[in-house]
């Protein structure tokens, strides 16, 4: 249950950060606000790529440690 709560908190935090980044970008660029959604999607893709290849475990987009990530197969993160 604790892993699920941590996963939910991580996903919520990253979604909020990506949305805020999208809104900040459209404000700074002085472009229509509907561009915030595509910018947030690019930020999400970039975060997933970095997390899955550089800081996370291959095959997941989680930034949680393996022991706390529900996507980690049993026995690998314990």
C-alpha atoms as a PDB file:
ATOM      1  CA  UNK A   1       0.000   0.000   0.000  1.00  0.00           C
ATOM      2  CA  UNK A   2       2.865   2.387   0.813  1.00  0.00           C
ATOM      3  CA  UNK A   3       4.360   1.813  -2.649  1.00  0.00           C
ATOM      4  CA  UNK A   4       1.047   2.743  -4.231  1.00  0.00           C
ATOM      5  CA  UNK A   5       0.814   5.965  -2.221  1.00  0.00           C
ATOM      6  CA  UNK A   6       4.400   6.894  -3.124  1.00  0.00           C
ATOM      7  CA  UNK A   7       3.722   6.157  -6.797  1.00  0.00           C
ATOM      8  CA  UNK A   8       0.563   8.266  -6.737  1.00  0.00           C
ATOM      9  CA  UNK A   9       2.404  11.143  -5.055  1.00  0.00           C
ATOM     10  CA  UNK A  10       5.263  10.939  -7.573  1.00  0.00           C
ATOM     11  CA  UNK A  11       2.920  10.934 -10.562  1.00  0.00           C
ATOM     12  CA  UNK A  12       0.877  13.835  -9.165  1.00  0.00           C
ATOM     13  CA  UNK A  13       3.990  15.884  -8.450  1.00  0.00           C
ATOM     14  CA  UNK A  14       5.445  15.354 -11.932  1.00  0.00           C
ATOM     15  CA  UNK A  15       2.106  16.083 -13.641  1.00  0.00           C
ATOM     16  CA  UNK A  16       1.792  19.346 -11.724  1.00  0.00           C
ATOM     17  CA  UNK A  17       5.387  20.326 -12.495  1.00  0.00           C
ATOM     18  CA  UNK A  18       4.948  19.583 -16.202  1.00  0.00           C
ATOM     19  CA  UNK A  19       1.710  21.588 -16.354  1.00  0.00           C
ATOM     20  CA  UNK A  20       3.338  24.511 -14.548  1.00  0.00           C
ATOM     21  CA  UNK A  21       6.300  24.375 -16.922  1.00  0.00           C
ATOM     22  CA  UNK A  22       3.932  24.469 -19.899  1.00  0.00           C
ATOM     23  CA  UNK A  23       2.080  27.480 -18.526  1.00  0.00           C
ATOM     24  CA  UNK A  24       5.301  29.288 -17.663  1.00  0.00           C
ATOM     25  CA  UNK A  25       6.645  28.670 -21.167  1.00  0.00           C
ATOM     26  CA  UNK A  26       3.581  30.117 -22.887  1.00  0.00           C
ATOM     27  CA  UNK A  27       3.661  33.155 -20.620  1.00  0.00           C
ATOM     28  CA  UNK A  28       7.335  33.800 -21.312  1.00  0.00           C
ATOM     29  CA  UNK A  29       6.960  33.216 -25.040  1.00  0.00           C
ATOM     30  CA  UNK A  30       3.764  35.281 -25.196  1.00  0.00           C
ATOM     31  CA  UNK A  31       1.947  32.628 -27.236  1.00  0.00           C
ATOM     32  CA  UNK A  32      -1.639  31.339 -26.900  1.00  0.00           C
ATOM     33  CA  UNK A  33      -2.295  29.309 -23.763  1.00  0.00           C
ATOM     34  CA  UNK A  34      -3.403  26.203 -25.694  1.00  0.00           C
ATOM     35  CA  UNK A  35       0.299  25.618 -26.448  1.00  0.00           C
ATOM     36  CA  UNK A  36       0.761  24.727 -22.762  1.00  0.00           C
ATOM     37  CA  UNK A  37      -0.633  21.214 -23.362  1.00  0.00           C
ATOM     38  CA  UNK A  38       1.837  20.226 -26.110  1.00  0.00           C
ATOM     39  CA  UNK A  39       4.702  21.766 -24.134  1.00  0.00           C
ATOM     40  CA  UNK A  40       3.684  19.772 -21.048  1.00  0.00           C
ATOM     41  CA  UNK A  41       3.542  16.591 -23.149  1.00  0.00           C
ATOM     42  CA  UNK A  42       7.064  17.221 -24.433  1.00  0.00           C
ATOM     43  CA  UNK A  43       8.226  17.778 -20.844  1.00  0.00           C
ATOM     44  CA  UNK A  44       6.573  14.506 -19.794  1.00  0.00           C
ATOM     45  CA  UNK A  45       8.235  12.615 -22.624  1.00  0.00           C
ATOM     46  CA  UNK A  46      11.620  14.092 -21.787  1.00  0.00           C
ATOM     47  CA  UNK A  47      11.207  13.217 -18.098  1.00  0.00           C
ATOM     48  CA  UNK A  48      10.208   9.655 -18.977  1.00  0.00           C
ATOM     49  CA  UNK A  49      13.206   9.255 -21.284  1.00  0.00           C
ATOM     50  CA  UNK A  50      15.643  10.593 -18.685  1.00  0.00           C
ATOM     51  CA  UNK A  51      14.126   8.564 -15.855  1.00  0.00           C
ATOM     52  CA  UNK A  52      14.013   5.348 -17.852  1.00  0.00           C
ATOM     53  CA  UNK A  53      17.544   5.558 -19.233  1.00  0.00           C
ATOM     54  CA  UNK A  54      19.668   7.662 -16.937  1.00  0.00           C
ATOM     55  CA  UNK A  55      18.299   7.757 -13.380  1.00  0.00           C
ATOM     56  CA  UNK A  56      15.610   5.092 -13.200  1.00  0.00           C
ATOM     57  CA  UNK A  57      15.330   1.452 -14.039  1.00  0.00           C
ATOM     58  CA  UNK A  58      15.103   0.406 -17.687  1.00  0.00           C
ATOM     59  CA  UNK A  59      11.505  -0.054 -18.774  1.00  0.00           C
ATOM     60  CA  UNK A  60       9.979   2.314 -16.215  1.00  0.00           C
ATOM     61  CA  UNK A  61       9.533   6.077 -16.187  1.00  0.00           C
ATOM     62  CA  UNK A  62       9.631   6.244 -12.410  1.00  0.00           C
ATOM     63  CA  UNK A  63      12.038   8.445 -10.508  1.00  0.00           C
ATOM     64  CA  UNK A  64      11.395   6.525  -7.285  1.00  0.00           C
ATOM     65  CA  UNK A  65      14.094   4.236  -5.892  1.00  0.00           C
ATOM     66  CA  UNK A  66      13.621   0.613  -7.005  1.00  0.00           C
ATOM     67  CA  UNK A  67      12.615  -0.504  -3.497  1.00  0.00           C
ATOM     68  CA  UNK A  68       9.716   1.973  -3.443  1.00  0.00           C
ATOM     69  CA  UNK A  69       8.573   1.692  -7.049  1.00  0.00           C
ATOM     70  CA  UNK A  70       5.532  -0.523  -7.692  1.00  0.00           C
ATOM     71  CA  UNK A  71       6.747  -1.087 -11.271  1.00  0.00           C
ATOM     72  CA  UNK A  72       9.881  -2.864 -10.046  1.00  0.00           C
ATOM     73  CA  UNK A  73       9.459  -6.635 -10.319  1.00  0.00           C
ATOM     74  CA  UNK A  74       9.351  -8.481  -6.995  1.00  0.00           C
ATOM     75  CA  UNK A  75      12.743  -9.350  -5.609  1.00  0.00           C
ATOM     76  CA  UNK A  76      14.667  -6.652  -7.504  1.00  0.00           C
ATOM     77  CA  UNK A  77      13.984  -3.684  -5.273  1.00  0.00           C
ATOM     78  CA  UNK A  78      13.869  -5.316  -1.878  1.00  0.00           C
END
